[in-house]
Amino acid sequence: MVVHLFRRDEAMAEPARIGFVVNKAVGNAVLRNRVHRRLRAVMATRLPDLPAGSLTVVRALPSSASASYDELVADVDGALSRLLGPR
């Protein structure tokens, strides 16, 4: 999983936004939708921790299709801790 974070200083009043990229390399439509739903659920709980006005893109890698929910949580938390510092 790859996470990109763009901080915008001039948009402090805007809430943080998150986008997801789950392409065909992850698997068929059923697998892509499952990965997308799981990532959306993980990021929904992390949204308050993101800086106001920031733009975040979460890109799923092919290994995300076979990852459990807990593994996705660990991957997201690891990526966010590298970007934002420890939670």
PDB file of N, CA and C in Angstrom:
ATOM      1  N   MET A   1       0.831  -1.162   0.000  1.00  0.00           N
ATOM      2  CA  MET A   1       0.000   0.000   0.000  1.00  0.00           C
ATOM      3  C   MET A   1       0.885   1.237   0.000  1.00  0.00           C
ATOM      4  N   VAL A   2       0.454   2.224  -0.754  1.00  0.00           N
ATOM      5  CA  VAL A   2       1.178   3.484  -0.852  1.00  0.00           C
ATOM      6  C   VAL A   2       0.224   4.586  -0.435  1.00  0.00           C
ATOM      7  N   VAL A   3       0.690   5.484   0.421  1.00  0.00           N
ATOM      8  CA  VAL A   3      -0.133   6.607   0.881  1.00  0.00           C
ATOM      9  C   VAL A   3       0.612   7.896   0.578  1.00  0.00           C
ATOM     10  N   HIS A   4      -0.077   8.817  -0.099  1.00  0.00           N
ATOM     11  CA  HIS A   4       0.469  10.135  -0.402  1.00  0.00           C
ATOM     12  C   HIS A   4      -0.340  11.158   0.384  1.00  0.00           C
ATOM     13  N   LEU A   5       0.335  12.142   0.959  1.00  0.00           N
ATOM     14  CA  LEU A   5      -0.326  13.185   1.732  1.00  0.00           C
ATOM     15  C   LEU A   5       0.165  14.535   1.245  1.00  0.00           C
ATOM     16  N   PHE A   6      -0.785  15.396   0.905  1.00  0.00           N
ATOM     17  CA  PHE A   6      -0.466  16.749   0.471  1.00  0.00           C
ATOM     18  C   PHE A   6      -1.127  17.712   1.450  1.00  0.00           C
ATOM     19  N   ARG A   7      -0.306  18.517   2.111  1.00  0.00           N
ATOM     20  CA  ARG A   7      -0.831  19.487   3.082  1.00  0.00           C
ATOM     21  C   ARG A   7      -0.961  20.845   2.407  1.00  0.00           C
ATOM     22  N   ARG A   8      -2.128  21.445   2.587  1.00  0.00           N
ATOM     23  CA  ARG A   8      -2.363  22.775   2.030  1.00  0.00           C
ATOM     24  C   ARG A   8      -2.555  23.743   3.190  1.00  0.00           C
ATOM     25  N   ASP A   9      -1.666  24.702   3.320  1.00  0.00           N
ATOM     26  CA  ASP A   9      -1.743  25.652   4.424  1.00  0.00           C
ATOM     27  C   ASP A   9      -2.870  26.662   4.253  1.00  0.00           C
ATOM     28  N   GLU A  10      -3.159  27.033   3.027  1.00  0.00           N
ATOM     29  CA  GLU A  10      -4.158  28.078   2.799  1.00  0.00           C
ATOM     30  C   GLU A  10      -5.582  27.588   2.977  1.00  0.00           C
ATOM     31  N   ALA A  11      -5.795  26.292   3.104  1.00  0.00           N
ATOM     32  CA  ALA A  11      -7.152  25.740   3.172  1.00  0.00           C
ATOM     33  C   ALA A  11      -7.451  25.173   4.553  1.00  0.00           C
ATOM     34  N   MET A  12      -7.073  25.875   5.587  1.00  0.00           N
ATOM     35  CA  MET A  12      -7.232  25.350   6.940  1.00  0.00           C
ATOM     36  C   MET A  12      -8.694  25.152   7.336  1.00  0.00           C
ATOM     37  N   ALA A  13      -9.617  25.899   6.734  1.00  0.00           N
ATOM     38  CA  ALA A  13     -11.024  25.761   7.092  1.00  0.00           C
ATOM     39  C   ALA A  13     -11.668  24.539   6.438  1.00  0.00           C
ATOM     40  N   GLU A  14     -11.035  24.002   5.416  1.00  0.00           N
ATOM     41  CA  GLU A  14     -11.605  22.848   4.720  1.00  0.00           C
ATOM     42  C   GLU A  14     -11.269  21.558   5.461  1.00  0.00           C
ATOM     43  N   PRO A  15     -12.162  20.578   5.396  1.00  0.00           N
ATOM     44  CA  PRO A  15     -11.844  19.289   6.021  1.00  0.00           C
ATOM     45  C   PRO A  15     -10.836  18.506   5.166  1.00  0.00           C
ATOM     46  N   ALA A  16     -10.212  17.530   5.773  1.00  0.00           N
ATOM     47  CA  ALA A  16      -9.295  16.655   5.046  1.00  0.00           C
ATOM     48  C   ALA A  16     -10.097  15.804   4.062  1.00  0.00           C
ATOM     49  N   ARG A  17      -9.487  15.504   2.928  1.00  0.00           N
ATOM     50  CA  ARG A  17     -10.144  14.666   1.919  1.00  0.00           C
ATOM     51  C   ARG A  17      -9.267  13.468   1.616  1.00  0.00           C
ATOM     52  N   ILE A  18      -9.932  12.346   1.288  1.00  0.00           N
ATOM     53  CA  ILE A  18      -9.226  11.096   1.007  1.00  0.00           C
ATOM     54  C   ILE A  18      -9.720  10.530  -0.314  1.00  0.00           C
ATOM     55  N   GLY A  19      -8.789  10.034  -1.126  1.00  0.00           N
ATOM     56  CA  GLY A  19      -9.123   9.358  -2.364  1.00  0.00           C
ATOM     57  C   GLY A  19      -8.460   7.984  -2.386  1.00  0.00           C
ATOM     58  N   PHE A  20      -9.029   7.080  -3.154  1.00  0.00           N
ATOM     59  CA  PHE A  20      -8.527   5.712  -3.222  1.00  0.00           C
ATOM     60  C   PHE A  20      -8.255   5.325  -4.658  1.00  0.00           C
ATOM     61  N   VAL A  21      -7.173   4.572  -4.866  1.00  0.00           N
ATOM     62  CA  VAL A  21      -6.837   4.025  -6.174  1.00  0.00           C
ATOM     63  C   VAL A  21      -6.688   2.520  -5.993  1.00  0.00           C
ATOM     64  N   VAL A  22      -7.606   1.791  -6.612  1.00  0.00           N
ATOM     65  CA  VAL A  22      -7.561   0.325  -6.577  1.00  0.00           C
ATOM     66  C   VAL A  22      -7.722  -0.123  -8.026  1.00  0.00           C
ATOM     67  N   ASN A  23      -6.603  -0.388  -8.698  1.00  0.00           N
ATOM     68  CA  ASN A  23      -6.672  -0.691 -10.126  1.00  0.00           C
ATOM     69  C   ASN A  23      -6.809  -2.194 -10.388  1.00  0.00           C
ATOM     70  N   LYS A  24      -6.848  -2.554 -11.649  1.00  0.00           N
ATOM     71  CA  LYS A  24      -7.090  -3.942 -12.047  1.00  0.00           C
ATOM     72  C   LYS A  24      -5.992  -4.902 -11.631  1.00  0.00           C
ATOM     73  N   ALA A  25      -4.824  -4.393 -11.301  1.00  0.00           N
ATOM     74  CA  ALA A  25      -3.742  -5.272 -10.845  1.00  0.00           C
ATOM     75  C   ALA A  25      -4.085  -5.930  -9.510  1.00  0.00           C
ATOM     76  N   VAL A  26      -5.004  -5.333  -8.751  1.00  0.00           N
ATOM     77  CA  VAL A  26      -5.426  -5.890  -7.458  1.00  0.00           C
ATOM     78  C   VAL A  26      -6.254  -7.155  -7.669  1.00  0.00           C
ATOM     79  N   GLY A  27      -7.048  -7.191  -8.714  1.00  0.00           N
ATOM     80  CA  GLY A  27      -7.870  -8.374  -8.975  1.00  0.00           C
ATOM     81  C   GLY A  27      -9.124  -8.005  -9.740  1.00  0.00           C
ATOM     82  N   ASN A  28     -10.064  -8.930  -9.724  1.00  0.00           N
ATOM     83  CA  ASN A  28     -11.317  -8.669 -10.447  1.00  0.00           C
ATOM     84  C   ASN A  28     -12.156  -7.644  -9.684  1.00  0.00           C
ATOM     85  N   ALA A  29     -13.312  -7.295 -10.226  1.00  0.00           N
ATOM     86  CA  ALA A  29     -14.139  -6.236  -9.655  1.00  0.00           C
ATOM     87  C   ALA A  29     -14.571  -6.547  -8.227  1.00  0.00           C
ATOM     88  N   VAL A  30     -14.864  -7.797  -7.932  1.00  0.00           N
ATOM     89  CA  VAL A  30     -15.282  -8.173  -6.590  1.00  0.00           C
ATOM     90  C   VAL A  30     -14.158  -7.908  -5.583  1.00  0.00           C
ATOM     91  N   LEU A  31     -12.943  -8.326  -5.927  1.00  0.00           N
ATOM     92  CA  LEU A  31     -11.799  -8.095  -5.035  1.00  0.00           C
ATOM     93  C   LEU A  31     -11.482  -6.615  -4.894  1.00  0.00           C
ATOM     94  N   ARG A  32     -11.530  -5.875  -6.003  1.00  0.00           N
ATOM     95  CA  ARG A  32     -11.245  -4.438  -5.943  1.00  0.00           C
ATOM     96  C   ARG A  32     -12.244  -3.724  -5.061  1.00  0.00           C
ATOM     97  N   ASN A  33     -13.516  -4.072  -5.186  1.00  0.00           N
ATOM     98  CA  ASN A  33     -14.539  -3.435  -4.355  1.00  0.00           C
ATOM     99  C   ASN A  33     -14.357  -3.791  -2.885  1.00  0.00           C
ATOM    100  N   ARG A  34     -13.992  -5.026  -2.586  1.00  0.00           N
ATOM    101  CA  ARG A  34     -13.762  -5.432  -1.197  1.00  0.00           C
ATOM    102  C   ARG A  34     -12.603  -4.644  -0.596  1.00  0.00           C
ATOM    103  N   VAL A  35     -11.517  -4.535  -1.346  1.00  0.00           N
ATOM    104  CA  VAL A  35     -10.359  -3.782  -0.866  1.00  0.00           C
ATOM    105  C   VAL A  35     -10.735  -2.315  -0.667  1.00  0.00           C
ATOM    106  N   HIS A  36     -11.470  -1.751  -1.601  1.00  0.00           N
ATOM    107  CA  HIS A  36     -11.888  -0.353  -1.496  1.00  0.00           C
ATOM    108  C   HIS A  36     -12.768  -0.133  -0.268  1.00  0.00           C
ATOM    109  N   ARG A  37     -13.718  -1.014  -0.025  1.00  0.00           N
ATOM    110  CA  ARG A  37     -14.589  -0.890   1.162  1.00  0.00           C
ATOM    111  C   ARG A  37     -13.794  -0.989   2.449  1.00  0.00           C
ATOM    112  N   ARG A  38     -12.845  -1.919   2.503  1.00  0.00           N
ATOM    113  CA  ARG A  38     -12.026  -2.075   3.707  1.00  0.00           C
ATOM    114  C   ARG A  38     -11.146  -0.844   3.934  1.00  0.00           C
ATOM    115  N   LEU A  39     -10.532  -0.350   2.881  1.00  0.00           N
ATOM    116  CA  LEU A  39      -9.691   0.834   3.023  1.00  0.00           C
ATOM    117  C   LEU A  39     -10.521   2.049   3.434  1.00  0.00           C
ATOM    118  N   ARG A  40     -11.706   2.173   2.883  1.00  0.00           N
ATOM    119  CA  ARG A  40     -12.582   3.283   3.253  1.00  0.00           C
ATOM    120  C   ARG A  40     -12.953   3.206   4.733  1.00  0.00           C
ATOM    121  N   ALA A  41     -13.216   2.001   5.239  1.00  0.00           N
ATOM    122  CA  ALA A  41     -13.552   1.833   6.656  1.00  0.00           C
ATOM    123  C   ALA A  41     -12.355   2.163   7.547  1.00  0.00           C
ATOM    124  N   VAL A  42     -11.170   1.747   7.124  1.00  0.00           N
ATOM    125  CA  VAL A  42      -9.966   2.043   7.902  1.00  0.00           C
ATOM    126  C   VAL A  42      -9.725   3.545   7.940  1.00  0.00           C
ATOM    127  N   MET A  43      -9.801   4.194   6.798  1.00  0.00           N
ATOM    128  CA  MET A  43      -9.503   5.621   6.737  1.00  0.00           C
ATOM    129  C   MET A  43     -10.581   6.477   7.396  1.00  0.00           C
ATOM    130  N   ALA A  44     -11.791   5.985   7.473  1.00  0.00           N
ATOM    131  CA  ALA A  44     -12.858   6.747   8.141  1.00  0.00           C
ATOM    132  C   ALA A  44     -12.527   6.964   9.610  1.00  0.00           C
ATOM    133  N   THR A  45     -11.886   5.987  10.230  1.00  0.00           N
ATOM    134  CA  THR A  45     -11.519   6.144  11.639  1.00  0.00           C
ATOM    135  C   THR A  45     -10.266   6.983  11.814  1.00  0.00           C
ATOM    136  N   ARG A  46      -9.483   7.147  10.753  1.00  0.00           N
ATOM    137  CA  ARG A  46      -8.252   7.947  10.832  1.00  0.00           C
ATOM    138  C   ARG A  46      -8.451   9.374  10.342  1.00  0.00           C
ATOM    139  N   LEU A  47      -9.611   9.690   9.810  1.00  0.00           N
ATOM    140  CA  LEU A  47      -9.880  11.016   9.254  1.00  0.00           C
ATOM    141  C   LEU A  47      -9.659  12.144  10.264  1.00  0.00           C
ATOM    142  N   PRO A  48     -10.070  12.009  11.524  1.00  0.00           N
ATOM    143  CA  PRO A  48      -9.825  13.106  12.480  1.00  0.00           C
ATOM    144  C   PRO A  48      -8.335  13.368  12.747  1.00  0.00           C
ATOM    145  N   ASP A  49      -7.476  12.392  12.490  1.00  0.00           N
ATOM    146  CA  ASP A  49      -6.042  12.553  12.730  1.00  0.00           C
ATOM    147  C   ASP A  49      -5.327  13.283  11.598  1.00  0.00           C
ATOM    148  N   LEU A  50      -5.994  13.423  10.454  1.00  0.00           N
ATOM    149  CA  LEU A  50      -5.360  14.070   9.303  1.00  0.00           C
ATOM    150  C   LEU A  50      -5.436  15.589   9.440  1.00  0.00           C
ATOM    151  N   PRO A  51      -4.416  16.298   8.964  1.00  0.00           N
ATOM    152  CA  PRO A  51      -4.439  17.763   9.051  1.00  0.00           C
ATOM    153  C   PRO A  51      -5.599  18.352   8.252  1.00  0.00           C
ATOM    154  N   ALA A  52      -6.169  19.431   8.765  1.00  0.00           N
ATOM    155  CA  ALA A  52      -7.275  20.106   8.069  1.00  0.00           C
ATOM    156  C   ALA A  52      -6.801  20.586   6.709  1.00  0.00           C
ATOM    157  N   GLY A  53      -7.633  20.393   5.708  1.00  0.00           N
ATOM    158  CA  GLY A  53      -7.328  20.833   4.359  1.00  0.00           C
ATOM    159  C   GLY A  53      -6.384  19.931   3.592  1.00  0.00           C
ATOM    160  N   SER A  54      -5.948  18.829   4.190  1.00  0.00           N
ATOM    161  CA  SER A  54      -4.998  17.947   3.505  1.00  0.00           C
ATOM    162  C   SER A  54      -5.714  17.055   2.495  1.00  0.00           C
ATOM    163  N   LEU A  55      -4.945  16.621   1.522  1.00  0.00           N
ATOM    164  CA  LEU A  55      -5.425  15.688   0.505  1.00  0.00           C
ATOM    165  C   LEU A  55      -4.621  14.404   0.657  1.00  0.00           C
ATOM    166  N   THR A  56      -5.290  13.278   0.810  1.00  0.00           N
ATOM    167  CA  THR A  56      -4.622  12.000   1.002  1.00  0.00           C
ATOM    168  C   THR A  56      -5.077  11.040  -0.085  1.00  0.00           C
ATOM    169  N   VAL A  57      -4.138  10.336  -0.683  1.00  0.00           N
ATOM    170  CA  VAL A  57      -4.449   9.309  -1.673  1.00  0.00           C
ATOM    171  C   VAL A  57      -3.880   7.994  -1.175  1.00  0.00           C
ATOM    172  N   VAL A  58      -4.739   6.978  -1.123  1.00  0.00           N
ATOM    173  CA  VAL A  58      -4.335   5.640  -0.707  1.00  0.00           C
ATOM    174  C   VAL A  58      -4.386   4.754  -1.944  1.00  0.00           C
ATOM    175  N   ARG A  59      -3.234   4.202  -2.317  1.00  0.00           N
ATOM    176  CA  ARG A  59      -3.166   3.332  -3.497  1.00  0.00           C
ATOM    177  C   ARG A  59      -2.921   1.903  -3.041  1.00  0.00           C
ATOM    178  N   ALA A  60      -3.843   1.028  -3.397  1.00  0.00           N
ATOM    179  CA  ALA A  60      -3.730  -0.382  -3.027  1.00  0.00           C
ATOM    180  C   ALA A  60      -2.804  -1.098  -3.999  1.00  0.00           C
ATOM    181  N   LEU A  61      -1.936  -1.912  -3.452  1.00  0.00           N
ATOM    182  CA  LEU A  61      -1.055  -2.749  -4.260  1.00  0.00           C
ATOM    183  C   LEU A  61      -1.711  -4.115  -4.448  1.00  0.00           C
ATOM    184  N   PRO A  62      -1.249  -4.914  -5.398  1.00  0.00           N
ATOM    185  CA  PRO A  62      -1.873  -6.223  -5.629  1.00  0.00           C
ATOM    186  C   PRO A  62      -1.926  -7.113  -4.388  1.00  0.00           C
ATOM    187  N   SER A  63      -0.976  -6.981  -3.490  1.00  0.00           N
ATOM    188  CA  SER A  63      -0.994  -7.802  -2.272  1.00  0.00           C
ATOM    189  C   SER A  63      -2.147  -7.444  -1.338  1.00  0.00           C
ATOM    190  N   SER A  64      -2.799  -6.310  -1.551  1.00  0.00           N
ATOM    191  CA  SER A  64      -3.929  -5.907  -0.718  1.00  0.00           C
ATOM    192  C   SER A  64      -5.121  -6.835  -0.890  1.00  0.00           C
ATOM    193  N   ALA A  65      -5.216  -7.510  -2.032  1.00  0.00           N
ATOM    194  CA  ALA A  65      -6.351  -8.401  -2.285  1.00  0.00           C
ATOM    195  C   ALA A  65      -6.356  -9.586  -1.337  1.00  0.00           C
ATOM    196  N   SER A  66      -5.195 -10.060  -0.942  1.00  0.00           N
ATOM    197  CA  SER A  66      -5.129 -11.224  -0.056  1.00  0.00           C
ATOM    198  C   SER A  66      -4.889 -10.830   1.400  1.00  0.00           C
ATOM    199  N   ALA A  67      -4.786  -9.539   1.674  1.00  0.00           N
ATOM    200  CA  ALA A  67      -4.528  -9.078   3.037  1.00  0.00           C
ATOM    201  C   ALA A  67      -5.819  -9.089   3.851  1.00  0.00           C
ATOM    202  N   SER A  68      -5.686  -9.421   5.122  1.00  0.00           N
ATOM    203  CA  SER A  68      -6.838  -9.361   6.020  1.00  0.00           C
ATOM    204  C   SER A  68      -7.086  -7.900   6.405  1.00  0.00           C
ATOM    205  N   TYR A  69      -8.224  -7.670   7.049  1.00  0.00           N
ATOM    206  CA  TYR A  69      -8.557  -6.317   7.493  1.00  0.00           C
ATOM    207  C   TYR A  69      -7.494  -5.806   8.461  1.00  0.00           C
ATOM    208  N   ASP A  70      -7.070  -6.650   9.382  1.00  0.00           N
ATOM    209  CA  ASP A  70      -6.059  -6.249  10.361  1.00  0.00           C
ATOM    210  C   ASP A  70      -4.723  -5.914   9.696  1.00  0.00           C
ATOM    211  N   GLU A  71      -4.376  -6.623   8.642  1.00  0.00           N
ATOM    212  CA  GLU A  71      -3.142  -6.316   7.909  1.00  0.00           C
ATOM    213  C   GLU A  71      -3.259  -4.970   7.197  1.00  0.00           C
ATOM    214  N   LEU A  72      -4.447  -4.677   6.646  1.00  0.00           N
ATOM    215  CA  LEU A  72      -4.651  -3.376   6.010  1.00  0.00           C
ATOM    216  C   LEU A  72      -4.553  -2.251   7.042  1.00  0.00           C
ATOM    217  N   VAL A  73      -5.127  -2.482   8.227  1.00  0.00           N
ATOM    218  CA  VAL A  73      -5.044  -1.492   9.302  1.00  0.00           C
ATOM    219  C   VAL A  73      -3.582  -1.232   9.656  1.00  0.00           C
ATOM    220  N   ALA A  74      -2.804  -2.289   9.797  1.00  0.00           N
ATOM    221  CA  ALA A  74      -1.383  -2.143  10.139  1.00  0.00           C
ATOM    222  C   ALA A  74      -0.626  -1.401   9.039  1.00  0.00           C
ATOM    223  N   ASP A  75      -0.930  -1.704   7.774  1.00  0.00           N
ATOM    224  CA  ASP A  75      -0.269  -1.018   6.663  1.00  0.00           C
ATOM    225  C   ASP A  75      -0.606   0.472   6.644  1.00  0.00           C
ATOM    226  N   VAL A  76      -1.886   0.790   6.821  1.00  0.00           N
ATOM    227  CA  VAL A  76      -2.311   2.194   6.821  1.00  0.00           C
ATOM    228  C   VAL A  76      -1.691   2.933   8.002  1.00  0.00           C
ATOM    229  N   ASP A  77      -1.730   2.331   9.178  1.00  0.00           N
ATOM    230  CA  ASP A  77      -1.157   2.983  10.354  1.00  0.00           C
ATOM    231  C   ASP A  77       0.344   3.202  10.195  1.00  0.00           C
ATOM    232  N   GLY A  78       1.034   2.235   9.605  1.00  0.00           N
ATOM    233  CA  GLY A  78       2.465   2.393   9.365  1.00  0.00           C
ATOM    234  C   GLY A  78       2.759   3.526   8.408  1.00  0.00           C
ATOM    235  N   ALA A  79       1.987   3.593   7.331  1.00  0.00           N
ATOM    236  CA  ALA A  79       2.193   4.653   6.342  1.00  0.00           C
ATOM    237  C   ALA A  79       1.876   6.024   6.939  1.00  0.00           C
ATOM    238  N   LEU A  80       0.779   6.117   7.686  1.00  0.00           N
ATOM    239  CA  LEU A  80       0.415   7.404   8.281  1.00  0.00           C
ATOM    240  C   LEU A  80       1.401   7.830   9.360  1.00  0.00           C
ATOM    241  N   SER A  81       1.942   6.875  10.099  1.00  0.00           N
ATOM    242  CA  SER A  81       2.911   7.250  11.128  1.00  0.00           C
ATOM    243  C   SER A  81       4.202   7.776  10.495  1.00  0.00           C
ATOM    244  N   ARG A  82       4.566   7.243   9.322  1.00  0.00           N
ATOM    245  CA  ARG A  82       5.746   7.767   8.625  1.00  0.00           C
ATOM    246  C   ARG A  82       5.485   9.176   8.098  1.00  0.00           C
ATOM    247  N   LEU A  83       4.239   9.447   7.688  1.00  0.00           N
ATOM    248  CA  LEU A  83       3.911  10.754   7.139  1.00  0.00           C
ATOM    249  C   LEU A  83       3.623  11.802   8.213  1.00  0.00           C
ATOM    250  N   LEU A  84       2.934  11.395   9.278  1.00  0.00           N
ATOM    251  CA  LEU A  84       2.479  12.343  10.292  1.00  0.00           C
ATOM    252  C   LEU A  84       3.228  12.263  11.605  1.00  0.00           C
ATOM    253  N   GLY A  85       3.992  11.221  11.798  1.00  0.00           N
ATOM    254  CA  GLY A  85       4.614  10.968  13.096  1.00  0.00           C
ATOM    255  C   GLY A  85       3.769   9.960  13.856  1.00  0.00           C
ATOM    256  N   PRO A  86       4.253   9.449  14.971  1.00  0.00           N
ATOM    257  CA  PRO A  86       3.514   8.422  15.724  1.00  0.00           C
ATOM    258  C   PRO A  86       2.178   8.939  16.231  1.00  0.00           C
ATOM    259  N   ARG A  87       1.190   8.039  16.272  1.00  0.00           N
ATOM    260  CA  ARG A  87      -0.154   8.411  16.732  1.00  0.00           C
ATOM    261  C   ARG A  87      -0.230   8.377  18.212  1.00  0.00           C
TER     262      ARG A  87
END
